[in-house]
C-alpha atoms as a PDB file:
ATOM      1  CA  MET A   1      84.345  87.140  74.403  1.00  0.00           C
ATOM      2  CA  VAL A   2      86.159  86.790  77.749  1.00  0.00           C
ATOM      3  CA  LYS A   3      84.021  85.227  80.480  1.00  0.00           C
ATOM      4  CA  PHE A   4      84.449  86.028  84.175  1.00  0.00           C
ATOM      5  CA  GLN A   5      83.626  83.920  87.183  1.00  0.00           C
ATOM      6  CA  ILE A   6      83.083  85.443  90.634  1.00  0.00           C
ATOM      7  CA  GLN A   7      83.900  83.406  93.711  1.00  0.00           C
ATOM      8  CA  LYS A   8      83.029  84.451  97.275  1.00  0.00           C
ATOM      9  CA  VAL A   9      84.966  82.977 100.162  1.00  0.00           C
ATOM     10  CA  ILE A  10      84.380  83.739 103.854  1.00  0.00           C
ATOM     11  CA  PHE A  11      87.640  84.025 105.843  1.00  0.00           C
ATOM     12  CA  PRO A  12      87.772  83.460 109.641  1.00  0.00           C
ATOM     13  CA  MET A  13      88.387  86.671 111.623  1.00  0.00           C
ATOM     14  CA  PRO A  14      90.984  87.261 114.385  1.00  0.00           C
ATOM     15  CA  THR A  15      88.315  87.553 117.101  1.00  0.00           C
ATOM     16  CA  PRO A  16      84.714  86.287 117.429  1.00  0.00           C
ATOM     17  CA  SER A  17      83.393  89.879 117.494  1.00  0.00           C
ATOM     18  CA  SER A  18      85.025  90.841 114.204  1.00  0.00           C
ATOM     19  CA  ALA A  19      82.887  91.429 111.117  1.00  0.00           C
ATOM     20  CA  GLU A  20      82.939  88.988 108.251  1.00  0.00           C
ATOM     21  CA  PHE A  21      85.658  89.371 105.642  1.00  0.00           C
ATOM     22  CA  LEU A  22      84.246  89.012 102.169  1.00  0.00           C
ATOM     23  CA  HIS A  23      86.822  87.883  99.660  1.00  0.00           C
ATOM     24  CA  HIS A  24      85.946  88.273  95.995  1.00  0.00           C
ATOM     25  CA  ARG A  25      88.334  86.999  93.411  1.00  0.00           C
ATOM     26  CA  ILE A  26      87.160  87.524  89.875  1.00  0.00           C
ATOM     27  CA  HIS A  27      88.954  85.112  87.623  1.00  0.00           C
ATOM     28  CA  CYS A  28      89.504  85.789  83.967  1.00  0.00           C
ATOM     29  CA  ALA A  29      90.178  83.052  81.442  1.00  0.00           C
ATOM     30  CA  GLN A  30      93.451  84.799  80.549  1.00  0.00           C
ATOM     31  CA  LYS A  31      96.312  85.873  82.797  1.00  0.00           C
ATOM     32  CA  THR A  32      95.549  89.295  84.280  1.00  0.00           C
ATOM     33  CA  GLN A  33      97.000  91.692  86.798  1.00  0.00           C
ATOM     34  CA  HIS A  34      95.619  91.430  90.310  1.00  0.00           C
ATOM     35  CA  ILE A  35      94.245  94.514  92.095  1.00  0.00           C
ATOM     36  CA  PHE A  36      93.532  94.274  95.848  1.00  0.00           C
ATOM     37  CA  ILE A  37      90.783  96.670  97.009  1.00  0.00           C
ATOM     38  CA  VAL A  38      90.584  97.543 100.715  1.00  0.00           C
ATOM     39  CA  GLU A  39      87.359  99.527 101.150  1.00  0.00           C
ATOM     40  CA  ASP A  40      84.761  99.290 103.925  1.00  0.00           C
ATOM     41  CA  GLN A  41      81.909 100.731 101.832  1.00  0.00           C
ATOM     42  CA  SER A  42      80.569  97.555 100.240  1.00  0.00           C
ATOM     43  CA  GLU A  43      78.745  99.226  97.357  1.00  0.00           C
ATOM     44  CA  LEU A  44      81.785 101.301  96.383  1.00  0.00           C
ATOM     45  CA  ALA A  45      84.075  98.275  96.681  1.00  0.00           C
ATOM     46  CA  GLU A  46      81.786  96.221  94.419  1.00  0.00           C
ATOM     47  CA  LEU A  47      81.579  99.071  91.904  1.00  0.00           C
ATOM     48  CA  LEU A  48      85.386  99.398  91.863  1.00  0.00           C
ATOM     49  CA  ALA A  49      85.745  95.661  91.325  1.00  0.00           C
ATOM     50  CA  GLN A  50      83.239  95.641  88.462  1.00  0.00           C
ATOM     51  CA  GLU A  51      84.945  98.571  86.714  1.00  0.00           C
ATOM     52  CA  LEU A  52      88.363  96.963  87.087  1.00  0.00           C
ATOM     53  CA  VAL A  53      87.132  93.595  85.802  1.00  0.00           C
ATOM     54  CA  GLN A  54      85.554  95.279  82.788  1.00  0.00           C
ATOM     55  CA  ASN A  55      88.987  96.775  82.112  1.00  0.00           C
ATOM     56  CA  GLY A  56      90.710  93.403  82.213  1.00  0.00           C
ATOM     57  CA  PHE A  57      91.901  93.134  85.823  1.00  0.00           C
ATOM     58  CA  GLU A  58      91.417  90.497  88.513  1.00  0.00           C
ATOM     59  CA  THR A  59      90.282  91.815  91.907  1.00  0.00           C
ATOM     60  CA  THR A  60      90.100  90.916  95.572  1.00  0.00           C
ATOM     61  CA  ILE A  61      88.059  92.904  98.116  1.00  0.00           C
ATOM     62  CA  SER A  62      88.593  93.288 101.849  1.00  0.00           C
ATOM     63  CA  GLU A  63      86.488  95.512 104.106  1.00  0.00           C
ATOM     64  CA  ARG A  64      88.825  95.452 107.120  1.00  0.00           C
ATOM     65  CA  GLY A  65      92.357  96.727 107.536  1.00  0.00           C
ATOM     66  CA  ASP A  66      93.629  93.973 109.836  1.00  0.00           C
ATOM     67  CA  THR A  67      92.429  91.096 107.666  1.00  0.00           C
ATOM     68  CA  ALA A  68      93.584  92.849 104.514  1.00  0.00           C
ATOM     69  CA  LEU A  69      97.103  93.067 105.934  1.00  0.00           C
ATOM     70  CA  GLN A  70      97.112  89.324 106.645  1.00  0.00           C
ATOM     71  CA  HIS A  71      96.056  88.614 103.072  1.00  0.00           C
ATOM     72  CA  LEU A  72      98.635  91.027 101.645  1.00  0.00           C
ATOM     73  CA  ARG A  73     101.410  89.192 103.471  1.00  0.00           C
ATOM     74  CA  ALA A  74     100.232  85.863 102.076  1.00  0.00           C
ATOM     75  CA  THR A  75      99.336  86.908  98.522  1.00  0.00           C
ATOM     76  CA  PRO A  76     100.902  90.144  97.258  1.00  0.00           C
ATOM     77  CA  PRO A  77      98.847  91.804  94.481  1.00  0.00           C
ATOM     78  CA  ASP A  78     100.093  93.807  91.507  1.00  0.00           C
ATOM     79  CA  LEU A  79      98.508  96.966  92.921  1.00  0.00           C
ATOM     80  CA  LEU A  80      96.708  97.961  96.133  1.00  0.00           C
ATOM     81  CA  ILE A  81      93.737 100.368  96.275  1.00  0.00           C
ATOM     82  CA  LEU A  82      93.539 101.405  99.919  1.00  0.00           C
ATOM     83  CA  ASP A  83      90.886 103.411 101.778  1.00  0.00           C
ATOM     84  CA  TRP A  84      91.973 105.648 104.657  1.00  0.00           C
ATOM     85  CA  MET A  85      89.186 104.981 107.190  1.00  0.00           C
ATOM     86  CA  LEU A  86      88.877 101.241 107.882  1.00  0.00           C
ATOM     87  CA  PRO A  87      87.671  99.037 110.749  1.00  0.00           C
ATOM     88  CA  GLY A  88      90.213  96.816 112.472  1.00  0.00           C
ATOM     89  CA  LEU A  89      93.245  98.808 111.341  1.00  0.00           C
ATOM     90  CA  SER A  90      93.389 102.226 109.686  1.00  0.00           C
ATOM     91  CA  GLY A  91      94.449 102.557 106.081  1.00  0.00           C
ATOM     92  CA  LEU A  92      97.487 104.587 107.146  1.00  0.00           C
ATOM     93  CA  GLU A  93      98.610 101.836 109.523  1.00  0.00           C
ATOM     94  CA  VAL A  94      98.019  99.195 106.851  1.00  0.00           C
ATOM     95  CA  LEU A  95     100.131 101.296 104.473  1.00  0.00           C
ATOM     96  CA  ARG A  96     102.901 101.790 107.029  1.00  0.00           C
ATOM     97  CA  GLN A  97     103.168  98.056 107.745  1.00  0.00           C
ATOM     98  CA  PHE A  98     102.727  97.075 104.088  1.00  0.00           C
ATOM     99  CA  ARG A  99     105.675  99.233 103.084  1.00  0.00           C
ATOM    100  CA  GLY A 100     107.774  97.243 105.528  1.00  0.00           C
ATOM    101  CA  PHE A 101     107.604  94.164 103.287  1.00  0.00           C
ATOM    102  CA  SER A 102     106.391  95.245  99.840  1.00  0.00           C
ATOM    103  CA  SER A 103     107.090  97.830  97.131  1.00  0.00           C
ATOM    104  CA  VAL A 104     103.841  97.092  95.259  1.00  0.00           C
ATOM    105  CA  PRO A 105     102.224 100.368  94.074  1.00  0.00           C
ATOM    106  CA  VAL A 106      99.514 101.783  96.347  1.00  0.00           C
ATOM    107  CA  LEU A 107      96.664 104.075  95.263  1.00  0.00           C
ATOM    108  CA  MET A 108      95.071 105.612  98.361  1.00  0.00           C
ATOM    109  CA  VAL A 109      91.430 106.730  98.215  1.00  0.00           C
ATOM    110  CA  SER A 110      89.763 108.781 100.942  1.00  0.00           C
ATOM    111  CA  ALA A 111      87.171 111.396 101.814  1.00  0.00           C
ATOM    112  CA  MET A 112      90.062 113.110 103.642  1.00  0.00           C
ATOM    113  CA  ALA A 113      90.877 115.574 100.887  1.00  0.00           C
ATOM    114  CA  SER A 114      93.044 118.297 102.447  1.00  0.00           C
ATOM    115  CA  ASP A 115      96.579 118.929 101.212  1.00  0.00           C
ATOM    116  CA  MET A 116      97.961 117.732 104.554  1.00  0.00           C
ATOM    117  CA  ASP A 117      96.059 114.454 104.251  1.00  0.00           C
ATOM    118  CA  ARG A 118      97.444 113.897 100.750  1.00  0.00           C
ATOM    119  CA  VAL A 119     100.966 114.704 101.884  1.00  0.00           C
ATOM    120  CA  LEU A 120     100.680 112.352 104.867  1.00  0.00           C
ATOM    121  CA  GLY A 121      99.477 109.473 102.685  1.00  0.00           C
ATOM    122  CA  LEU A 122     102.222 110.036 100.120  1.00  0.00           C
ATOM    123  CA  GLU A 123     104.940 110.369 102.759  1.00  0.00           C
ATOM    124  CA  LEU A 124     103.880 107.071 104.340  1.00  0.00           C
ATOM    125  CA  GLY A 125     104.421 105.328 101.014  1.00  0.00           C
ATOM    126  CA  ALA A 126     101.353 105.759  98.795  1.00  0.00           C
ATOM    127  CA  ASP A 127     102.213 106.186  95.124  1.00  0.00           C
ATOM    128  CA  ASP A 128      99.128 108.259  94.325  1.00  0.00           C
ATOM    129  CA  TYR A 129      96.076 109.665  96.107  1.00  0.00           C
ATOM    130  CA  MET A 130      92.459 110.208  95.067  1.00  0.00           C
ATOM    131  CA  ALA A 131      89.848 112.118  97.075  1.00  0.00           C
ATOM    132  CA  LYS A 132      86.284 110.801  97.240  1.00  0.00           C
ATOM    133  CA  PRO A 133      84.116 111.164  95.272  1.00  0.00           C
ATOM    134  CA  PHE A 134      86.244 110.384  92.251  1.00  0.00           C
ATOM    135  CA  SER A 135      85.791 109.617  88.577  1.00  0.00           C
ATOM    136  CA  MET A 136      85.994 105.930  87.670  1.00  0.00           C
ATOM    137  CA  PRO A 137      87.731 106.612  84.332  1.00  0.00           C
ATOM    138  CA  GLU A 138      90.336 108.686  86.171  1.00  0.00           C
ATOM    139  CA  LEU A 139      90.878 105.887  88.719  1.00  0.00           C
ATOM    140  CA  ILE A 140      91.327 103.313  85.936  1.00  0.00           C
ATOM    141  CA  ALA A 141      93.798 105.662  84.223  1.00  0.00           C
ATOM    142  CA  LYS A 142      95.779 106.065  87.460  1.00  0.00           C
ATOM    143  CA  VAL A 143      95.808 102.283  87.998  1.00  0.00           C
ATOM    144  CA  ARG A 144      97.161 101.732  84.501  1.00  0.00           C
ATOM    145  CA  ALA A 145      99.755 104.483  84.919  1.00  0.00           C
ATOM    146  CA  LEU A 146     101.014 103.052  88.225  1.00  0.00           C
ATOM    147  CA  LEU A 147     101.244  99.536  86.800  1.00  0.00           C
ATOM    148  CA  ARG A 148     103.017 100.833  83.705  1.00  0.00           C
ATOM    149  CA  ARG A 149     105.505 102.745  85.864  1.00  0.00           C
ATOM    150  CA  THR A 150     106.144  99.618  87.926  1.00  0.00           C
ATOM    151  CA  GLN A 151     106.688  97.505  84.815  1.00  0.00           C
ATOM    152  CA  LEU A 152     109.161 100.051  83.421  1.00  0.00           C
ATOM    153  CA  TRP A 153     111.041 100.061  86.728  1.00  0.00           C
ATOM    154  CA  GLN A 154     111.152  96.260  86.759  1.00  0.00           C
ATOM    155  CA  LEU A 155     112.447  96.227  83.176  1.00  0.00           C
ATOM    156  CA  SER A 156     115.088  98.759  84.153  1.00  0.00           C
ATOM    157  CA  GLN A 157     116.140  96.615  87.124  1.00  0.00           C
ATOM    158  CA  GLU A 158     116.307  93.543  84.906  1.00  0.00           C
ATOM    159  CA  GLN A 159     118.398  95.448  82.385  1.00  0.00           C
ATOM    160  CA  ASP A 160     120.750  96.558  85.171  1.00  0.00           C
ATOM    161  CA  ARG A 161     121.102  92.941  86.317  1.00  0.00           C
ATOM    162  CA  GLN A 162     121.728  91.859  82.739  1.00  0.00           C
ATOM    163  CA  ASN A 163     124.319  94.572  82.278  1.00  0.00           C
ATOM    164  CA  GLN A 164     126.046  93.422  85.469  1.00  0.00           C
ATOM    165  CA  ALA A 165     126.047  89.872  84.133  1.00  0.00           C
ATOM    166  CA  ASP A 166     127.605  91.150  80.904  1.00  0.00           C
ATOM    167  CA  ASN A 167     130.450  92.879  82.738  1.00  0.00           C
ATOM    168  CA  PHE A 168     133.689  90.912  83.032  1.00  0.00           C
ATOM    169  CA  HIS A 169     136.297  91.879  85.618  1.00  0.00           C
ATOM    170  CA  HIS A 170     139.887  90.730  85.699  1.00  0.00           C
ATOM    171  CA  GLY A 171     142.085  92.664  88.080  1.00  0.00           C
ATOM    172  CA  ASN A 172     141.734  96.345  87.171  1.00  0.00           C
ATOM    173  CA  LEU A 173     140.365  95.596  83.698  1.00  0.00           C
ATOM    174  CA  VAL A 174     136.607  95.649  83.001  1.00  0.00           C
ATOM    175  CA  LEU A 175     134.905  94.634  79.770  1.00  0.00           C
ATOM    176  CA  HIS A 176     131.302  95.805  79.224  1.00  0.00           C
ATOM    177  CA  ALA A 177     129.866  93.375  76.699  1.00  0.00           C
ATOM    178  CA  SER A 178     126.584  95.188  75.971  1.00  0.00           C
ATOM    179  CA  SER A 179     128.276  98.522  75.216  1.00  0.00           C
ATOM    180  CA  ARG A 180     131.467  96.917  73.839  1.00  0.00           C
ATOM    181  CA  GLN A 181     133.651  99.083  76.048  1.00  0.00           C
ATOM    182  CA  VAL A 182     136.859  98.206  77.886  1.00  0.00           C
ATOM    183  CA  THR A 183     138.387 100.128  80.776  1.00  0.00           C
ATOM    184  CA  LEU A 184     141.758  99.608  82.438  1.00  0.00           C
ATOM    185  CA  ARG A 185     142.291 101.336  85.769  1.00  0.00           C
ATOM    186  CA  GLN A 186     139.021 103.180  84.977  1.00  0.00           C
ATOM    187  CA  ARG A 187     140.442 104.619  81.761  1.00  0.00           C
ATOM    188  CA  PRO A 188     138.890 103.683  78.391  1.00  0.00           C
ATOM    189  CA  ILE A 189     140.872 101.425  76.077  1.00  0.00           C
ATOM    190  CA  TYR A 190     139.984 101.600  72.394  1.00  0.00           C
ATOM    191  CA  LEU A 191     140.068  98.214  70.667  1.00  0.00           C
ATOM    192  CA  THR A 192     139.358  97.050  67.148  1.00  0.00           C
ATOM    193  CA  LYS A 193     136.507  94.593  66.544  1.00  0.00           C
ATOM    194  CA  SER A 194     138.843  91.588  66.396  1.00  0.00           C
ATOM    195  CA  GLU A 195     140.781  92.735  69.482  1.00  0.00           C
ATOM    196  CA  PHE A 196     137.563  93.176  71.465  1.00  0.00           C
ATOM    197  CA  GLU A 197     136.162  89.790  70.433  1.00  0.00           C
ATOM    198  CA  LEU A 198     139.390  87.985  71.279  1.00  0.00           C
ATOM    199  CA  LEU A 199     139.552  89.648  74.702  1.00  0.00           C
ATOM    200  CA  TYR A 200     135.860  88.902  75.292  1.00  0.00           C
ATOM    201  CA  LEU A 201     136.382  85.214  74.494  1.00  0.00           C
ATOM    202  CA  LEU A 202     139.367  84.974  76.837  1.00  0.00           C
ATOM    203  CA  LEU A 203     137.590  86.784  79.689  1.00  0.00           C
ATOM    204  CA  LYS A 204     134.571  84.478  79.390  1.00  0.00           C
ATOM    205  CA  ASN A 205     136.857  81.454  79.673  1.00  0.00           C
ATOM    206  CA  PRO A 206     139.716  82.262  82.063  1.00  0.00           C
ATOM    207  CA  ALA A 207     142.474  79.634  82.271  1.00  0.00           C
ATOM    208  CA  ARG A 208     141.141  77.806  79.187  1.00  0.00           C
ATOM    209  CA  ALA A 209     143.754  77.302  76.465  1.00  0.00           C
ATOM    210  CA  PHE A 210     142.559  78.060  72.932  1.00  0.00           C
ATOM    211  CA  SER A 211     144.391  76.742  69.911  1.00  0.00           C
ATOM    212  CA  ARG A 212     145.327  79.145  67.124  1.00  0.00           C
ATOM    213  CA  GLU A 213     143.165  77.116  64.742  1.00  0.00           C
ATOM    214  CA  TYR A 214     140.102  77.453  66.999  1.00  0.00           C
ATOM    215  CA  LEU A 215     140.597  81.203  67.442  1.00  0.00           C
ATOM    216  CA  LEU A 216     141.121  81.673  63.733  1.00  0.00           C
ATOM    217  CA  GLU A 217     137.972  79.749  62.801  1.00  0.00           C
ATOM    218  CA  THR A 218     135.909  81.465  65.510  1.00  0.00           C
ATOM    219  CA  LEU A 219     137.028  85.069  65.118  1.00  0.00           C
ATOM    220  CA  TRP A 220     138.201  85.121  61.502  1.00  0.00           C
ATOM    221  CA  PRO A 221     135.945  82.613  59.691  1.00  0.00           C
ATOM    222  CA  ASP A 222     136.697  84.149  56.302  1.00  0.00           C
ATOM    223  CA  VAL A 223     140.460  83.758  56.668  1.00  0.00           C
ATOM    224  CA  SER A 224     142.059  80.530  55.503  1.00  0.00           C
ATOM    225  CA  SER A 225     144.153  78.628  58.045  1.00  0.00           C
ATOM    226  CA  GLY A 226     147.789  77.651  57.609  1.00  0.00           C
ATOM    227  CA  CYS A 227     150.353  80.404  57.777  1.00  0.00           C
ATOM    228  CA  ASP A 228     147.951  83.227  58.627  1.00  0.00           C
ATOM    229  CA  ARG A 229     149.247  85.362  61.518  1.00  0.00           C
ATOM    230  CA  SER A 230     145.936  87.103  62.402  1.00  0.00           C
ATOM    231  CA  VAL A 231     145.727  85.509  65.874  1.00  0.00           C
ATOM    232  CA  ASP A 232     149.350  86.194  66.827  1.00  0.00           C
ATOM    233  CA  ASN A 233     149.222  89.768  65.543  1.00  0.00           C
ATOM    234  CA  THR A 234     145.989  90.502  67.424  1.00  0.00           C
ATOM    235  CA  VAL A 235     147.404  89.067  70.660  1.00  0.00           C
ATOM    236  CA  LEU A 236     150.536  91.182  70.182  1.00  0.00           C
ATOM    237  CA  LYS A 237     148.457  94.358  69.735  1.00  0.00           C
ATOM    238  CA  LEU A 238     146.246  93.521  72.737  1.00  0.00           C
ATOM    239  CA  ARG A 239     149.255  92.988  74.992  1.00  0.00           C
ATOM    240  CA  LYS A 240     150.671  96.307  73.888  1.00  0.00           C
ATOM    241  CA  LYS A 241     147.438  98.278  74.374  1.00  0.00           C
ATOM    242  CA  LEU A 242     146.734  96.678  77.751  1.00  0.00           C
ATOM    243  CA  LYS A 243     150.232  97.015  79.223  1.00  0.00           C
ATOM    244  CA  PRO A 244     151.066  95.849  81.891  1.00  0.00           C
ATOM    245  CA  TRP A 245     147.748  93.939  82.252  1.00  0.00           C
ATOM    246  CA  GLY A 246     148.391  92.409  78.814  1.00  0.00           C
ATOM    247  CA  GLU A 247     150.872  89.983  80.397  1.00  0.00           C
ATOM    248  CA  ASN A 248     147.795  88.066  81.626  1.00  0.00           C
ATOM    249  CA  ILE A 249     147.322  86.826  78.058  1.00  0.00           C
ATOM    250  CA  GLU A 250     149.672  83.879  78.232  1.00  0.00           C
ATOM    251  CA  THR A 251     151.211  81.834  75.445  1.00  0.00           C
ATOM    252  CA  VAL A 252     150.615  78.095  75.774  1.00  0.00           C
ATOM    253  CA  TRP A 253     153.508  76.608  73.780  1.00  0.00           C
ATOM    254  CA  GLY A 254     152.429  74.209  71.072  1.00  0.00           C
ATOM    255  CA  ILE A 255     148.750  75.137  71.497  1.00  0.00           C
ATOM    256  CA  GLY A 256     147.871  78.821  71.468  1.00  0.00           C
ATOM    257  CA  TYR A 257     146.763  81.299  74.139  1.00  0.00           C
ATOM    258  CA  ARG A 258     144.904  81.528  77.391  1.00  0.00           C
ATOM    259  CA  LEU A 259     144.009  84.145  80.005  1.00  0.00           C
ATOM    260  CA  SER A 260     145.601  83.619  83.392  1.00  0.00           C
ATOM    261  CA  PRO A 261     143.098  83.254  86.256  1.00  0.00           C
ATOM    262  CA  ALA A 262     142.385  86.525  88.064  1.00  0.00           C
ATOM    263  CA  GLY A 263     144.531  86.885  91.148  1.00  0.00           C
END
């Protein structure tokens, strides 16, 4: 059974007249996602925290907008639950400033339940909106949905970065490693498996000279060495298909082939 430990820390306020800021961080023995709750109704904030902890999250509570914003700058959460009406700084102003430095998902909660209020919150950067009173199961479902959407977006961004890393450019030729596609002057070039793998190897190692023996053993491991012409024939076909770019595949006399550095 997972055990939770609740810690309460009192933070100093910006001015002597400010109310105390109660910071609850509920630590779980395993790594969990962190939800920051900004809600000035203490009982509701505690209830939200308890429900979230029971569903496997870690929580922090702030009852003031100004102090919450300071904490958000220092320690970004995985998701922010933000009330509209707050002392110190309104929820809308917290949201406006928060969106200036973070794309973390925001679930706004408020007794302001008109369509215009919802639209205003969403236009300022909230990802979803719940009117008080609300159902706890529905709130938990919305939290999970927002986190899931964020994770999918992050995975998509990572995939885009990976795809960019897998793209090799040399002049007006582009090789897309993940999709095994080659374009020359933005037109597709259709290559055989051995042609693609030879080009891929050369593009990954521009200016490096590869011996025929190395290329043969690497790309045609089932072919015996000696008089086999697989490497030379594949280079010849590549040069022809990639004309005039194919001239970048240079012969290194007495050794083999290399790709000239991109100009």
